[in-house]
Amino acid sequence: MAKKIGVLLSGCGYLDGAEIQEAVLALYFLDRAGCEVVCLAPDKAQVDVVDHQAGTPVTERRNVRRESARIARGSVRDVAEVSARELDALVIPGGYGAAKNLCSFAADGKDCQVDPGVAKLVKDLHAAHKPIGALCIAPALVARLLGPDHAVELTIGDDAGTASAVVAMGARHVDRAVDAIAVDERNRVVTTPCYMLARGPAEVGAGIEKLVAKLVSWL
């Protein structure tokens, strides 16, 4: 039976939602590995909406789950209604949405709060020893949830400012190259820098391919 992997999306578009290339490459490598993917997202309004052509905020209102369906090609489940018992693992793509809509790291740094549905699912998966993969800036969310009590080891690349915030939340940060992964065997957490360092989708894909391979090896 195929392993069921949740992919936690945060909208559509790197400035206000999920980073599309990271999300699609994660979906691709999970599918290639024979996994059954379940796309998830919070069912709530985005923190903001950004015109990706101009790079400036606009006055629209968009729903995180509805926007995530653009990437998922349809059904996206409300993360608050998904139990850790239903999944074998979870992957969280980056993009500013991970730091705006899944948690408030973009605004609040080390003092960020995590969406309640996201927090419960991640903590329940960890308690069940089920693997978690996080891409780009999404490891900051994992640091907030698993840093204080579990000293989770992860990477966001080599950005000193972001790394210091991750450490302030109780996590252990390790520098990694764009195509490398950081593996915390004890906590079953694997992370990769993606567009924290990448110049294009080939570099992003190299890291995500390794992350998915490691994640699947734990199943």
Protein backbone atom coordinates (compact mmCIF):
# COMPACT_ATOMS: atom_id res chain seq x y z
CA MET A 1 0.00 0.00 0.00
CA ALA A 2 1.32 3.44 -0.92
CA LYS A 3 2.48 5.64 1.92
CA LYS A 4 0.25 8.67 2.46
CA ILE A 5 2.19 11.93 2.63
CA GLY A 6 0.64 15.27 3.52
CA VAL A 7 1.87 18.33 1.61
CA LEU A 8 1.06 21.44 3.61
CA LEU A 9 0.47 24.41 1.31
CA SER A 10 0.13 28.07 2.27
CA GLY A 11 -1.47 29.67 -0.77
CA CYS A 12 -0.14 30.14 -4.29
CA GLY A 13 2.84 32.36 -5.07
CA TYR A 14 6.08 32.87 -3.17
CA LEU A 15 5.40 36.45 -2.00
CA ASP A 16 2.15 35.67 -0.19
CA GLY A 17 1.67 31.89 -0.36
CA ALA A 18 3.50 28.67 -1.16
CA GLU A 19 6.55 28.83 -3.43
CA ILE A 20 5.11 27.16 -6.51
CA GLN A 21 8.28 25.55 -7.84
CA GLU A 22 9.12 24.08 -4.44
CA ALA A 23 5.58 22.76 -4.04
CA VAL A 24 5.43 21.25 -7.52
CA LEU A 25 8.85 19.63 -7.24
CA ALA A 26 7.89 18.15 -3.88
CA LEU A 27 4.71 16.75 -5.42
CA TYR A 28 6.70 15.38 -8.35
CA PHE A 29 9.33 13.58 -6.30
CA LEU A 30 6.75 12.18 -3.88
CA ASP A 31 4.68 10.88 -6.80
CA ARG A 32 7.78 9.40 -8.43
CA ALA A 33 8.55 7.62 -5.15
CA GLY A 34 5.12 5.96 -5.28
CA CYS A 35 3.57 7.96 -2.45
CA GLU A 36 -0.06 8.99 -2.19
CA VAL A 37 -0.15 12.74 -1.68
CA VAL A 38 -2.77 14.54 0.40
CA CYS A 39 -2.66 18.33 -0.01
CA LEU A 40 -3.58 20.37 3.06
CA ALA A 41 -3.92 24.05 3.92
CA PRO A 42 -5.52 26.27 6.56
CA ASP A 43 -9.03 27.38 5.58
CA LYS A 44 -8.65 31.09 6.33
CA ALA A 45 -7.84 34.44 4.76
CA GLN A 46 -4.28 35.14 3.65
CA VAL A 47 -2.35 37.68 5.72
CA ASP A 48 -1.85 39.74 2.56
CA VAL A 49 -2.04 39.53 -1.22
CA VAL A 50 0.90 40.59 -3.39
CA ASP A 51 0.99 41.44 -7.08
CA HIS A 52 3.78 39.11 -8.20
CA GLN A 53 4.49 41.16 -11.32
CA ALA A 54 4.99 44.44 -9.45
CA GLY A 55 6.05 42.94 -6.12
CA THR A 56 3.67 45.21 -4.24
CA PRO A 57 0.66 44.56 -1.96
CA VAL A 58 -2.87 44.87 -3.35
CA THR A 59 -6.21 45.25 -1.60
CA GLU A 60 -7.67 41.88 -2.61
CA ARG A 61 -8.64 39.21 -0.09
CA ARG A 62 -7.82 35.58 -0.83
CA ASN A 63 -8.37 32.32 1.02
CA VAL A 64 -5.29 30.18 1.73
CA ARG A 65 -6.99 26.86 1.06
CA ARG A 66 -8.70 28.05 -2.11
CA GLU A 67 -5.46 29.48 -3.50
CA SER A 68 -3.58 26.28 -2.60
CA ALA A 69 -6.00 24.34 -4.80
CA ARG A 70 -4.40 26.05 -7.81
CA ILE A 71 -1.22 24.08 -7.10
CA ALA A 72 -2.97 20.89 -6.00
CA ARG A 73 -5.14 20.81 -9.15
CA GLY A 74 -8.25 20.44 -7.04
CA SER A 75 -9.02 19.07 -3.62
CA VAL A 76 -7.17 20.52 -0.65
CA ARG A 77 -8.18 19.40 2.82
CA ASP A 78 -8.52 21.76 5.76
CA VAL A 79 -5.44 21.09 7.88
CA ALA A 80 -7.52 21.51 11.03
CA GLU A 81 -9.60 18.48 10.04
CA VAL A 82 -6.69 16.13 9.28
CA SER A 83 -5.49 13.71 11.95
CA ALA A 84 -1.88 12.56 12.25
CA ARG A 85 -3.29 9.01 12.18
CA GLU A 86 -4.24 9.55 8.52
CA LEU A 87 -0.72 10.38 7.36
CA ASP A 88 2.63 8.62 7.28
CA ALA A 89 4.66 11.84 6.91
CA LEU A 90 4.39 15.55 6.11
CA VAL A 91 6.22 17.89 3.71
CA ILE A 92 6.00 21.68 4.07
CA PRO A 93 7.09 23.78 1.05
CA GLY A 94 8.40 27.28 1.65
CA GLY A 95 7.47 30.66 0.25
CA TYR A 96 6.46 33.67 2.33
CA GLY A 97 3.10 32.01 2.90
CA ALA A 98 4.79 29.51 5.22
CA ALA A 99 5.98 32.46 7.31
CA LYS A 100 2.77 34.51 6.97
CA ASN A 101 -0.18 32.12 6.72
CA LEU A 102 1.09 28.98 8.48
CA CYS A 103 2.80 31.01 11.18
CA SER A 104 3.69 34.65 11.83
CA PHE A 105 7.47 34.33 11.51
CA ALA A 106 7.64 36.97 8.75
CA ALA A 107 6.22 39.59 11.14
CA ASP A 108 7.18 38.31 14.58
CA GLY A 109 10.43 36.36 14.14
CA LYS A 110 11.34 34.24 17.16
CA ASP A 111 8.12 35.28 18.91
CA CYS A 112 5.91 33.95 16.11
CA GLN A 113 2.67 32.08 16.61
CA VAL A 114 1.68 29.02 14.56
CA ASP A 115 -1.76 28.39 13.07
CA PRO A 116 -3.53 26.09 15.58
CA GLY A 117 -4.41 23.40 13.03
CA VAL A 118 -0.86 23.36 11.70
CA ALA A 119 0.61 23.25 15.18
CA LYS A 120 -1.55 20.32 16.27
CA LEU A 121 -0.80 18.26 13.16
CA VAL A 122 2.96 18.82 13.31
CA LYS A 123 3.15 18.08 17.03
CA ASP A 124 0.97 14.98 16.72
CA LEU A 125 3.04 13.65 13.82
CA HIS A 126 6.24 14.21 15.79
CA ALA A 127 4.77 12.48 18.85
CA ALA A 128 3.92 9.50 16.64
CA HIS A 129 7.53 9.44 15.29
CA LYS A 130 6.32 10.21 11.79
CA PRO A 131 8.74 12.08 9.50
CA ILE A 132 8.49 15.78 8.70
CA GLY A 133 10.24 17.51 5.79
CA ALA A 134 10.47 21.30 5.55
CA LEU A 135 11.73 23.43 2.66
CA CYS A 136 13.16 26.93 2.42
CA ILE A 137 11.78 29.13 5.25
CA ALA A 138 9.33 26.46 6.50
CA PRO A 139 11.92 25.05 8.96
CA ALA A 140 11.33 28.21 11.03
CA LEU A 141 7.81 26.92 11.73
CA VAL A 142 9.23 23.54 12.77
CA ALA A 143 11.74 25.30 15.02
CA ARG A 144 8.94 27.17 16.79
CA LEU A 145 7.02 23.95 17.44
CA LEU A 146 9.81 21.46 18.11
CA GLY A 147 12.71 23.65 19.17
CA PRO A 148 11.84 24.40 22.81
CA ASP A 149 11.26 20.81 23.95
CA HIS A 150 13.11 18.73 21.38
CA ALA A 151 16.08 20.86 20.19
CA VAL A 152 15.32 19.91 16.60
CA GLU A 153 18.25 20.25 14.17
CA LEU A 154 17.52 21.90 10.83
CA THR A 155 18.76 24.28 8.15
CA ILE A 156 17.53 27.39 6.40
CA GLY A 157 20.77 27.60 4.38
CA ASP A 158 23.34 30.04 5.70
CA ASP A 159 21.46 33.29 6.37
CA ALA A 160 22.78 34.48 9.73
CA GLY A 161 19.73 36.54 10.70
CA THR A 162 17.21 33.79 10.09
CA ALA A 163 19.50 31.21 11.66
CA SER A 164 19.78 33.28 14.84
CA ALA A 165 15.98 33.47 15.10
CA VAL A 166 15.75 29.70 14.65
CA VAL A 167 18.32 29.17 17.42
CA ALA A 168 16.45 31.63 19.67
CA MET A 169 13.41 29.36 19.35
CA GLY A 170 15.40 26.44 20.76
CA ALA A 171 16.39 24.67 17.54
CA ARG A 172 19.92 23.77 16.44
CA HIS A 173 20.83 25.31 13.11
CA VAL A 174 23.36 23.85 10.66
CA ASP A 175 24.55 25.55 7.48
CA ARG A 176 23.85 23.54 4.35
CA ALA A 177 24.53 24.11 0.65
CA VAL A 178 21.61 24.71 -1.69
CA ASP A 179 21.43 21.08 -2.85
CA ALA A 180 22.07 19.51 0.56
CA ILE A 181 19.82 18.35 3.39
CA ALA A 182 20.01 18.51 7.16
CA VAL A 183 18.88 15.31 8.83
CA ASP A 184 17.76 15.01 12.44
CA GLU A 185 17.49 11.27 12.94
CA ARG A 186 16.23 11.51 16.51
CA ASN A 187 13.32 13.80 15.64
CA ARG A 188 12.83 12.42 12.12
CA VAL A 189 13.02 15.88 10.59
CA VAL A 190 14.74 16.63 7.27
CA THR A 191 15.19 20.11 5.81
CA THR A 192 16.75 21.75 2.73
CA PRO A 193 17.41 25.42 1.81
CA CYS A 194 15.67 25.66 -1.59
CA TYR A 195 15.07 29.33 -2.45
CA MET A 196 16.81 30.56 0.68
CA LEU A 197 19.87 29.98 -1.52
CA ALA A 198 18.79 28.67 -4.92
CA ARG A 199 19.16 30.51 -8.21
CA GLY A 200 16.66 28.37 -10.10
CA PRO A 201 14.48 25.24 -10.10
CA ALA A 202 17.33 22.84 -10.91
CA GLU A 203 19.06 23.69 -7.63
CA VAL A 204 15.75 23.57 -5.78
CA GLY A 205 14.95 20.17 -7.24
CA ALA A 206 18.32 18.70 -6.28
CA GLY A 207 17.68 19.38 -2.60
CA ILE A 208 14.04 18.32 -2.65
CA GLU A 209 14.90 15.03 -4.37
CA LYS A 210 17.31 14.21 -1.53
CA LEU A 211 14.80 15.32 1.10
CA VAL A 212 12.06 13.09 -0.31
CA ALA A 213 14.43 10.13 -0.58
CA LYS A 214 15.40 10.51 3.08
CA LEU A 215 11.79 10.98 4.18
CA VAL A 216 10.70 7.84 2.36
CA SER A 217 13.60 5.84 3.81
CA TRP A 218 12.09 6.37 7.28
CA LEU A 219 8.72 4.89 6.28
